[in-house]
Amino acid sequence: MSEDWEPTISEDLEAYDPVEMVFGLRQVRNPDKPDSRGNWVDICKIIEYAPRPDPLDPLVQDDDEAPEPDEDDSDDSQPPTDTDGAGPSRPRKRPPRAEMNVPTDFWLDWEEWKRANTREHRVIHDEYARHEATINNTYQEIRRVTRVLDIHETRQLAIIDSHTRLSAQLDQFHAQNAQILAGQEEQRRRDERIESAQLRAEQRAEARAKEMMEQFARHFGPHPSVPDDPPPPLF
């Protein structure tokens, strides 16, 4: 095996996808149709029918240690090359589907797997639809409960506002009542002062009148209008 050897399909196996690891399939594009989506091929079949170099083969060497190729030596076992005239020929990386030697049983197994996958997809889709319906119902219930809570919150806020207004009115009533009571107390004290002043004035007038009558009696004798003894009864 010469140094120009390159892996054909095995290079696609360098990085596995988790889904490919589960189902054991890989999509290989047709080199004759670069725009095609390709076919799903069993990875085991790719490994089996895509030869890889034997690391123990003395002909397999690194690029730095590989000897110069002999121009006269022609090896018919090398894979066919594609030449476009724009440079040196390169070995074809992927053989066409007919050269992969994939048995017919594989494609039958592939059809069965595809049908099973379709059924599984339907089951998953139905399960997803049920979960989606449950989520939608839960969302509708949450919206209904939210609306009820909004109504209760609005009513509670209205009650709080009414209570606040009533509390303000009650505080105003208490303030007015306190002012009325203070005015009544001030009026009572004023009336007491007036009554006390009137009483003291009357007492001073009586004392002054009594003193004047006593002075008149000392100078002129008893006042004729004030007899010493009361008159006798007429009958």
C-alpha atoms as a PDB file:
ATOM      1  CA  MET A   1       0.000   0.000   0.000  1.00  0.00           C
ATOM      2  CA  SER A   2       1.506   3.342  -1.078  1.00  0.00           C
ATOM      3  CA  GLU A   3       1.687   6.700   0.658  1.00  0.00           C
ATOM      4  CA  ASP A   4      -1.104   8.152  -1.540  1.00  0.00           C
ATOM      5  CA  TRP A   5      -3.625   5.958   0.202  1.00  0.00           C
ATOM      6  CA  GLU A   6      -6.503   7.904   1.823  1.00  0.00           C
ATOM      7  CA  PRO A   7      -9.475   6.522   3.707  1.00  0.00           C
ATOM      8  CA  THR A   8     -12.642   6.492   1.662  1.00  0.00           C
ATOM      9  CA  ILE A   9     -15.638   6.380   3.998  1.00  0.00           C
ATOM     10  CA  SER A  10     -13.814   5.747   7.244  1.00  0.00           C
ATOM     11  CA  GLU A  11     -13.023   9.475   7.572  1.00  0.00           C
ATOM     12  CA  ASP A  12     -16.704  10.044   8.307  1.00  0.00           C
ATOM     13  CA  LEU A  13     -16.302   7.864  11.381  1.00  0.00           C
ATOM     14  CA  GLU A  14     -13.823  10.174  13.083  1.00  0.00           C
ATOM     15  CA  ALA A  15     -16.613  12.121  14.798  1.00  0.00           C
ATOM     16  CA  TYR A  16     -19.772  10.328  15.861  1.00  0.00           C
ATOM     17  CA  ASP A  17     -23.096  11.967  16.515  1.00  0.00           C
ATOM     18  CA  PRO A  18     -24.996  10.769  19.642  1.00  0.00           C
ATOM     19  CA  VAL A  19     -28.000   9.854  17.502  1.00  0.00           C
ATOM     20  CA  GLU A  20     -25.762   7.883  15.168  1.00  0.00           C
ATOM     21  CA  MET A  21     -24.229   6.107  18.125  1.00  0.00           C
ATOM     22  CA  VAL A  22     -27.709   5.075  19.299  1.00  0.00           C
ATOM     23  CA  PHE A  23     -29.135   3.931  15.978  1.00  0.00           C
ATOM     24  CA  GLY A  24     -25.840   2.855  14.398  1.00  0.00           C
ATOM     25  CA  LEU A  25     -26.543   4.729  11.162  1.00  0.00           C
ATOM     26  CA  ARG A  26     -24.774   7.472   9.300  1.00  0.00           C
ATOM     27  CA  GLN A  27     -25.780   9.539   6.281  1.00  0.00           C
ATOM     28  CA  VAL A  28     -23.235   9.139   3.435  1.00  0.00           C
ATOM     29  CA  ARG A  29     -23.488  11.457   0.466  1.00  0.00           C
ATOM     30  CA  ASN A  30     -23.189  10.212  -3.060  1.00  0.00           C
ATOM     31  CA  PRO A  31     -19.983  11.700  -4.547  1.00  0.00           C
ATOM     32  CA  ASP A  32     -21.620  11.676  -7.972  1.00  0.00           C
ATOM     33  CA  LYS A  33     -24.416  13.916  -6.631  1.00  0.00           C
ATOM     34  CA  PRO A  34     -22.906  16.493  -4.250  1.00  0.00           C
ATOM     35  CA  ASP A  35     -26.277  18.197  -3.669  1.00  0.00           C
ATOM     36  CA  SER A  36     -28.082  14.982  -2.749  1.00  0.00           C
ATOM     37  CA  ARG A  37     -28.965  14.210   0.867  1.00  0.00           C
ATOM     38  CA  GLY A  38     -27.358  10.796   0.574  1.00  0.00           C
ATOM     39  CA  ASN A  39     -28.364   7.482   2.106  1.00  0.00           C
ATOM     40  CA  TRP A  40     -28.303   6.258   5.671  1.00  0.00           C
ATOM     41  CA  VAL A  41     -25.737   3.485   5.911  1.00  0.00           C
ATOM     42  CA  ASP A  42     -25.023   1.206   8.845  1.00  0.00           C
ATOM     43  CA  ILE A  43     -21.813   2.298  10.520  1.00  0.00           C
ATOM     44  CA  CYS A  44     -20.838  -1.322  10.987  1.00  0.00           C
ATOM     45  CA  LYS A  45     -21.227  -1.882   7.247  1.00  0.00           C
ATOM     46  CA  ILE A  46     -19.120   1.197   6.562  1.00  0.00           C
ATOM     47  CA  ILE A  47     -16.413  -0.100   8.847  1.00  0.00           C
ATOM     48  CA  GLU A  48     -16.652  -3.528   7.249  1.00  0.00           C
ATOM     49  CA  TYR A  49     -16.689  -2.473   3.604  1.00  0.00           C
ATOM     50  CA  ALA A  50     -14.417   0.553   3.856  1.00  0.00           C
ATOM     51  CA  PRO A  51     -10.906  -0.862   4.279  1.00  0.00           C
ATOM     52  CA  ARG A  52      -8.553   0.937   6.610  1.00  0.00           C
ATOM     53  CA  PRO A  53      -4.759   0.584   6.670  1.00  0.00           C
ATOM     54  CA  ASP A  54      -3.211  -1.913   8.999  1.00  0.00           C
ATOM     55  CA  PRO A  55      -0.923  -0.051  11.426  1.00  0.00           C
ATOM     56  CA  LEU A  56       1.333  -3.142  11.517  1.00  0.00           C
ATOM     57  CA  ASP A  57       1.773  -3.104   7.757  1.00  0.00           C
ATOM     58  CA  PRO A  58       5.371  -1.975   7.032  1.00  0.00           C
ATOM     59  CA  LEU A  59       4.125  -0.214   3.908  1.00  0.00           C
ATOM     60  CA  VAL A  60       2.041   2.162   6.033  1.00  0.00           C
ATOM     61  CA  GLN A  61       4.418   4.912   7.148  1.00  0.00           C
ATOM     62  CA  ASP A  62       4.202   8.551   8.140  1.00  0.00           C
ATOM     63  CA  ASP A  63       4.510  11.276   5.555  1.00  0.00           C
ATOM     64  CA  ASP A  64       7.954  12.261   6.863  1.00  0.00           C
ATOM     65  CA  GLU A  65       9.272   8.698   6.689  1.00  0.00           C
ATOM     66  CA  ALA A  66       7.534   7.596   3.481  1.00  0.00           C
ATOM     67  CA  PRO A  67       9.893   6.865   0.556  1.00  0.00           C
ATOM     68  CA  GLU A  68       9.612   8.624  -2.751  1.00  0.00           C
ATOM     69  CA  PRO A  69       7.165   6.871  -5.107  1.00  0.00           C
ATOM     70  CA  ASP A  70       8.530   5.035  -8.096  1.00  0.00           C
ATOM     71  CA  GLU A  71       7.215   6.563 -11.311  1.00  0.00           C
ATOM     72  CA  ASP A  72       7.598   3.299 -13.251  1.00  0.00           C
ATOM     73  CA  ASP A  73       5.939   1.243 -10.571  1.00  0.00           C
ATOM     74  CA  SER A  74       2.186   1.094 -11.133  1.00  0.00           C
ATOM     75  CA  ASP A  75      -0.132  -0.492  -8.619  1.00  0.00           C
ATOM     76  CA  ASP A  76      -3.455  -1.680  -9.939  1.00  0.00           C
ATOM     77  CA  SER A  77      -4.797  -2.037  -6.399  1.00  0.00           C
ATOM     78  CA  GLN A  78      -4.966   1.747  -5.830  1.00  0.00           C
ATOM     79  CA  PRO A  79      -8.426   3.267  -5.884  1.00  0.00           C
ATOM     80  CA  PRO A  80      -9.523   5.051  -9.059  1.00  0.00           C
ATOM     81  CA  THR A  81      -8.730   8.762  -9.313  1.00  0.00           C
ATOM     82  CA  ASP A  82     -10.679  11.767 -10.472  1.00  0.00           C
ATOM     83  CA  THR A  83      -8.813  14.152 -12.763  1.00  0.00           C
ATOM     84  CA  ASP A  84     -10.119  17.507 -13.851  1.00  0.00           C
ATOM     85  CA  GLY A  85      -6.918  18.804 -15.493  1.00  0.00           C
ATOM     86  CA  ALA A  86      -6.424  21.475 -12.829  1.00  0.00           C
ATOM     87  CA  GLY A  87      -3.744  19.701 -10.841  1.00  0.00           C
ATOM     88  CA  PRO A  88      -2.454  16.356  -9.646  1.00  0.00           C
ATOM     89  CA  SER A  89      -4.963  13.560  -9.414  1.00  0.00           C
ATOM     90  CA  ARG A  90      -6.377  12.657  -5.996  1.00  0.00           C
ATOM     91  CA  PRO A  91      -7.919   9.345  -5.014  1.00  0.00           C
ATOM     92  CA  ARG A  92     -11.699   9.303  -4.827  1.00  0.00           C
ATOM     93  CA  LYS A  93     -12.782   9.529  -1.205  1.00  0.00           C
ATOM     94  CA  ARG A  94     -16.171   7.847  -1.411  1.00  0.00           C
ATOM     95  CA  PRO A  95     -17.084   5.049  -3.822  1.00  0.00           C
ATOM     96  CA  PRO A  96     -20.567   5.074  -5.339  1.00  0.00           C
ATOM     97  CA  ARG A  97     -23.327   3.106  -3.712  1.00  0.00           C
ATOM     98  CA  ALA A  98     -22.842   0.123  -6.038  1.00  0.00           C
ATOM     99  CA  GLU A  99     -19.233  -0.283  -4.877  1.00  0.00           C
ATOM    100  CA  MET A 100     -20.120  -0.318  -1.169  1.00  0.00           C
ATOM    101  CA  ASN A 101     -21.191  -3.968  -1.381  1.00  0.00           C
ATOM    102  CA  VAL A 102     -24.002  -3.365   1.139  1.00  0.00           C
ATOM    103  CA  PRO A 103     -26.175  -6.509   1.197  1.00  0.00           C
ATOM    104  CA  THR A 104     -29.858  -6.361   0.376  1.00  0.00           C
ATOM    105  CA  ASP A 105     -30.808  -7.496   3.886  1.00  0.00           C
ATOM    106  CA  PHE A 106     -29.462  -4.225   5.215  1.00  0.00           C
ATOM    107  CA  TRP A 107     -31.906  -2.178   3.173  1.00  0.00           C
ATOM    108  CA  LEU A 108     -34.742  -4.433   4.349  1.00  0.00           C
ATOM    109  CA  ASP A 109     -33.598  -3.873   7.905  1.00  0.00           C
ATOM    110  CA  TRP A 110     -33.400  -0.169   7.137  1.00  0.00           C
ATOM    111  CA  GLU A 111     -37.002  -0.113   5.904  1.00  0.00           C
ATOM    112  CA  GLU A 112     -38.120  -1.957   9.036  1.00  0.00           C
ATOM    113  CA  TRP A 113     -36.167   0.485  11.200  1.00  0.00           C
ATOM    114  CA  LYS A 114     -37.709   3.401   9.338  1.00  0.00           C
ATOM    115  CA  ARG A 115     -41.223   2.042   9.944  1.00  0.00           C
ATOM    116  CA  ALA A 116     -40.435   1.433  13.607  1.00  0.00           C
ATOM    117  CA  ASN A 117     -38.993   4.929  13.843  1.00  0.00           C
ATOM    118  CA  THR A 118     -42.157   6.296  12.233  1.00  0.00           C
ATOM    119  CA  ARG A 119     -44.320   4.476  14.776  1.00  0.00           C
ATOM    120  CA  GLU A 120     -42.096   5.709  17.592  1.00  0.00           C
ATOM    121  CA  HIS A 121     -42.320   9.207  16.181  1.00  0.00           C
ATOM    122  CA  ARG A 122     -46.119   8.959  16.191  1.00  0.00           C
ATOM    123  CA  VAL A 123     -46.066   7.786  19.807  1.00  0.00           C
ATOM    124  CA  ILE A 124     -43.745  10.620  20.749  1.00  0.00           C
ATOM    125  CA  HIS A 125     -45.895  13.098  18.804  1.00  0.00           C
ATOM    126  CA  ASP A 126     -49.067  11.864  20.554  1.00  0.00           C
ATOM    127  CA  GLU A 127     -47.341  12.064  23.918  1.00  0.00           C
ATOM    128  CA  TYR A 128     -46.153  15.553  23.095  1.00  0.00           C
ATOM    129  CA  ALA A 129     -49.687  16.509  22.018  1.00  0.00           C
ATOM    130  CA  ARG A 130     -51.053  15.216  25.339  1.00  0.00           C
ATOM    131  CA  HIS A 131     -48.430  17.111  27.295  1.00  0.00           C
ATOM    132  CA  GLU A 132     -49.138  20.221  25.246  1.00  0.00           C
ATOM    133  CA  ALA A 133     -52.873  19.891  25.935  1.00  0.00           C
ATOM    134  CA  THR A 134     -52.141  19.468  29.651  1.00  0.00           C
ATOM    135  CA  ILE A 135     -49.900  22.517  29.587  1.00  0.00           C
ATOM    136  CA  ASN A 136     -52.560  24.541  27.751  1.00  0.00           C
ATOM    137  CA  ASN A 137     -55.222  23.473  30.254  1.00  0.00           C
ATOM    138  CA  THR A 138     -52.914  24.359  33.131  1.00  0.00           C
ATOM    139  CA  TYR A 139     -52.198  27.717  31.515  1.00  0.00           C
ATOM    140  CA  GLN A 140     -55.918  28.407  31.084  1.00  0.00           C
ATOM    141  CA  GLU A 141     -56.527  27.451  34.727  1.00  0.00           C
ATOM    142  CA  ILE A 142     -53.701  29.745  35.803  1.00  0.00           C
ATOM    143  CA  ARG A 143     -55.223  32.580  33.759  1.00  0.00           C
ATOM    144  CA  ARG A 144     -58.651  31.938  35.313  1.00  0.00           C
ATOM    145  CA  VAL A 145     -57.225  31.883  38.837  1.00  0.00           C
ATOM    146  CA  THR A 146     -55.227  35.007  38.015  1.00  0.00           C
ATOM    147  CA  ARG A 147     -58.387  36.802  36.881  1.00  0.00           C
ATOM    148  CA  VAL A 148     -60.194  35.738  40.086  1.00  0.00           C
ATOM    149  CA  LEU A 149     -57.259  36.938  42.159  1.00  0.00           C
ATOM    150  CA  ASP A 150     -57.251  40.233  40.255  1.00  0.00           C
ATOM    151  CA  ILE A 151     -60.980  40.659  40.997  1.00  0.00           C
ATOM    152  CA  HIS A 152     -60.456  39.904  44.689  1.00  0.00           C
ATOM    153  CA  GLU A 153     -57.453  42.224  44.785  1.00  0.00           C
ATOM    154  CA  THR A 154     -59.499  44.998  43.157  1.00  0.00           C
ATOM    155  CA  ARG A 155     -62.280  44.511  45.698  1.00  0.00           C
ATOM    156  CA  GLN A 156     -59.790  44.457  48.545  1.00  0.00           C
ATOM    157  CA  LEU A 157     -58.195  47.665  47.302  1.00  0.00           C
ATOM    158  CA  ALA A 158     -61.655  49.273  47.077  1.00  0.00           C
ATOM    159  CA  ILE A 159     -62.407  48.184  50.660  1.00  0.00           C
ATOM    160  CA  ILE A 160     -59.062  49.551  51.811  1.00  0.00           C
ATOM    161  CA  ASP A 161     -59.742  52.871  50.069  1.00  0.00           C
ATOM    162  CA  SER A 162     -63.214  53.072  51.643  1.00  0.00           C
ATOM    163  CA  HIS A 163     -61.761  52.252  55.062  1.00  0.00           C
ATOM    164  CA  THR A 164     -59.136  54.933  54.579  1.00  0.00           C
ATOM    165  CA  ARG A 165     -61.785  57.529  53.688  1.00  0.00           C
ATOM    166  CA  LEU A 166     -63.940  56.526  56.655  1.00  0.00           C
ATOM    167  CA  SER A 167     -60.914  56.695  58.949  1.00  0.00           C
ATOM    168  CA  ALA A 168     -60.120  60.180  57.669  1.00  0.00           C
ATOM    169  CA  GLN A 169     -63.738  61.279  58.197  1.00  0.00           C
ATOM    170  CA  LEU A 170     -63.724  59.777  61.708  1.00  0.00           C
ATOM    171  CA  ASP A 171     -60.497  61.587  62.544  1.00  0.00           C
ATOM    172  CA  GLN A 172     -62.037  64.824  61.273  1.00  0.00           C
ATOM    173  CA  PHE A 173     -65.140  64.201  63.423  1.00  0.00           C
ATOM    174  CA  HIS A 174     -62.975  63.573  66.468  1.00  0.00           C
ATOM    175  CA  ALA A 175     -61.076  66.792  65.803  1.00  0.00           C
ATOM    176  CA  GLN A 176     -64.305  68.776  65.457  1.00  0.00           C
ATOM    177  CA  ASN A 177     -65.731  67.162  68.594  1.00  0.00           C
ATOM    178  CA  ALA A 178     -62.558  68.029  70.490  1.00  0.00           C
ATOM    179  CA  GLN A 179     -62.866  71.629  69.311  1.00  0.00           C
ATOM    180  CA  ILE A 180     -66.534  71.748  70.425  1.00  0.00           C
ATOM    181  CA  LEU A 181     -65.668  70.298  73.827  1.00  0.00           C
ATOM    182  CA  ALA A 182     -62.830  72.785  74.219  1.00  0.00           C
ATOM    183  CA  GLY A 183     -65.206  75.638  73.344  1.00  0.00           C
ATOM    184  CA  GLN A 184     -67.803  74.371  75.806  1.00  0.00           C
ATOM    185  CA  GLU A 185     -65.196  74.125  78.541  1.00  0.00           C
ATOM    186  CA  GLU A 186     -64.024  77.659  77.813  1.00  0.00           C
ATOM    187  CA  GLN A 187     -67.629  78.906  77.882  1.00  0.00           C
ATOM    188  CA  ARG A 188     -68.249  77.163  81.223  1.00  0.00           C
ATOM    189  CA  ARG A 189     -65.173  78.757  82.744  1.00  0.00           C
ATOM    190  CA  ARG A 190     -66.229  82.154  81.400  1.00  0.00           C
ATOM    191  CA  ASP A 191     -69.729  81.723  82.882  1.00  0.00           C
ATOM    192  CA  GLU A 192     -68.225  80.728  86.237  1.00  0.00           C
ATOM    193  CA  ARG A 193     -66.030  83.811  86.221  1.00  0.00           C
ATOM    194  CA  ILE A 194     -69.041  86.011  85.388  1.00  0.00           C
ATOM    195  CA  GLU A 195     -71.178  84.444  88.122  1.00  0.00           C
ATOM    196  CA  SER A 196     -68.357  84.808  90.643  1.00  0.00           C
ATOM    197  CA  ALA A 197     -67.889  88.468  89.706  1.00  0.00           C
ATOM    198  CA  GLN A 198     -71.638  89.119  89.997  1.00  0.00           C
ATOM    199  CA  LEU A 199     -71.754  87.416  93.397  1.00  0.00           C
ATOM    200  CA  ARG A 200     -68.812  89.434  94.675  1.00  0.00           C
ATOM    201  CA  ALA A 201     -70.433  92.656  93.378  1.00  0.00           C
ATOM    202  CA  GLU A 202     -73.710  91.860  95.118  1.00  0.00           C
ATOM    203  CA  GLN A 203     -71.896  91.087  98.339  1.00  0.00           C
ATOM    204  CA  ARG A 204     -69.989  94.357  98.154  1.00  0.00           C
ATOM    205  CA  ALA A 205     -73.247  96.306  97.457  1.00  0.00           C
ATOM    206  CA  GLU A 206     -75.022  94.718 100.400  1.00  0.00           C
ATOM    207  CA  ALA A 207     -72.108  95.421 102.707  1.00  0.00           C
ATOM    208  CA  ARG A 208     -71.945  99.035 101.486  1.00  0.00           C
ATOM    209  CA  ALA A 209     -75.689  99.530 102.016  1.00  0.00           C
ATOM    210  CA  LYS A 210     -75.524  98.060 105.510  1.00  0.00           C
ATOM    211  CA  GLU A 211     -72.597 100.272 106.393  1.00  0.00           C
ATOM    212  CA  MET A 212     -74.415 103.412 105.190  1.00  0.00           C
ATOM    213  CA  MET A 213     -77.527 102.568 107.187  1.00  0.00           C
ATOM    214  CA  GLU A 214     -75.428 102.094 110.300  1.00  0.00           C
ATOM    215  CA  GLN A 215     -73.771 105.499 109.789  1.00  0.00           C
ATOM    216  CA  PHE A 216     -77.198 107.152 109.268  1.00  0.00           C
ATOM    217  CA  ALA A 217     -78.503 105.583 112.457  1.00  0.00           C
ATOM    218  CA  ARG A 218     -75.557 106.847 114.471  1.00  0.00           C
ATOM    219  CA  HIS A 219     -76.061 110.421 113.299  1.00  0.00           C
ATOM    220  CA  PHE A 220     -79.824 110.781 112.961  1.00  0.00           C
ATOM    221  CA  GLY A 221     -81.230 107.902 114.882  1.00  0.00           C
ATOM    222  CA  PRO A 222     -83.176 105.049 113.541  1.00  0.00           C
ATOM    223  CA  HIS A 223     -84.695 105.569 110.151  1.00  0.00           C
ATOM    224  CA  PRO A 224     -88.419 106.070 110.333  1.00  0.00           C
ATOM    225  CA  SER A 225     -89.025 103.646 107.621  1.00  0.00           C
ATOM    226  CA  VAL A 226     -87.291 101.012 109.663  1.00  0.00           C
ATOM    227  CA  PRO A 227     -89.258 100.574 112.925  1.00  0.00           C
ATOM    228  CA  ASP A 228     -87.691  98.978 115.905  1.00  0.00           C
ATOM    229  CA  ASP A 229     -90.564  96.645 116.431  1.00  0.00           C
ATOM    230  CA  PRO A 230     -92.732  95.275 113.727  1.00  0.00           C
ATOM    231  CA  PRO A 231     -96.312  96.643 113.650  1.00  0.00           C
ATOM    232  CA  PRO A 232     -98.989  94.550 115.306  1.00  0.00           C
ATOM    233  CA  PRO A 233    -101.258  92.496 113.141  1.00  0.00           C
ATOM    234  CA  LEU A 234    -104.451  94.194 112.067  1.00  0.00           C
ATOM    235  CA  PHE A 235    -106.749  91.288 112.861  1.00  0.00           C
END
